[in-house]
Amino acid sequence: MDAVRVALLREVLAGTQWPSAARVFARALRSSVVPRRGGLLLVGTEVYEPWHMAAHLADESTWSGLPQLRPTLVRHRVEPDDPAHLAVGLGRIEAAGRGETLLLVAPARPDAGLLERVHDARRAGATVLSLDGGDPEVRGLAHEALTVSVEDEVDLDTMQHLVSAAAGENVAVTPRGRRSFRDRMSRLADQLTAPPPARW
């Protein structure tokens, strides 16, 4: 999703908790991977693979100049002829440990095997974050969680867009008051999508 669409989405959701909740969660994600120079594992449930989240985080990684945001997509089923970037199975979670971050995207309760692997990764020192549908066991495993339930005015796919975009935002202060190109483009997108001023 490009900067203009993200700006429109934020405008539609203005006045709700979701834009700020996405930014808070994205800051937690970014602060867990950037100082440690990477190690971001992204996994979904057996029936829901977070392809879009992986693609958006990879894009944000490139645009923001933060390679640490580029995730490794961990898959439940890997075929022998899958390309290397799609051939990482659940065994990778078992090998996760200190200095790595595991982001679990789970609209519904994951199977017991995945929960056990995530629990083991946490005990081994990995930071666990969840973008979830409200399952209490998932939330209990996460150091930081963002829950989107079926009763909310947004869905999990929308929140993945907002979190990915916020994770790549340049929040550092730039010298002499200058803003980065990405920040200037984001501001321009906000101006272009803003409603016209009221005329009295």
Foldseek 3Di string as FASTA:
>chain_A
DDLLVLLVLCVVCPPHCQLVLLLVQLVVVLVLQQVLLAAEEEEEAQVDFPPVLQVLQCVLCVVLVRVRSRYQGEHCDADPPDPPSRRHYPVVLQVAAASHEYEYEYADDHDPVSLVSLQNRVVRHYAYEYEYQDDPSNVVSHPYYHHDHPPDPDDSVSSSNSNSVSNSDDPDQDPPRDDDPVVVVSVVSNVVPDDDDDDD
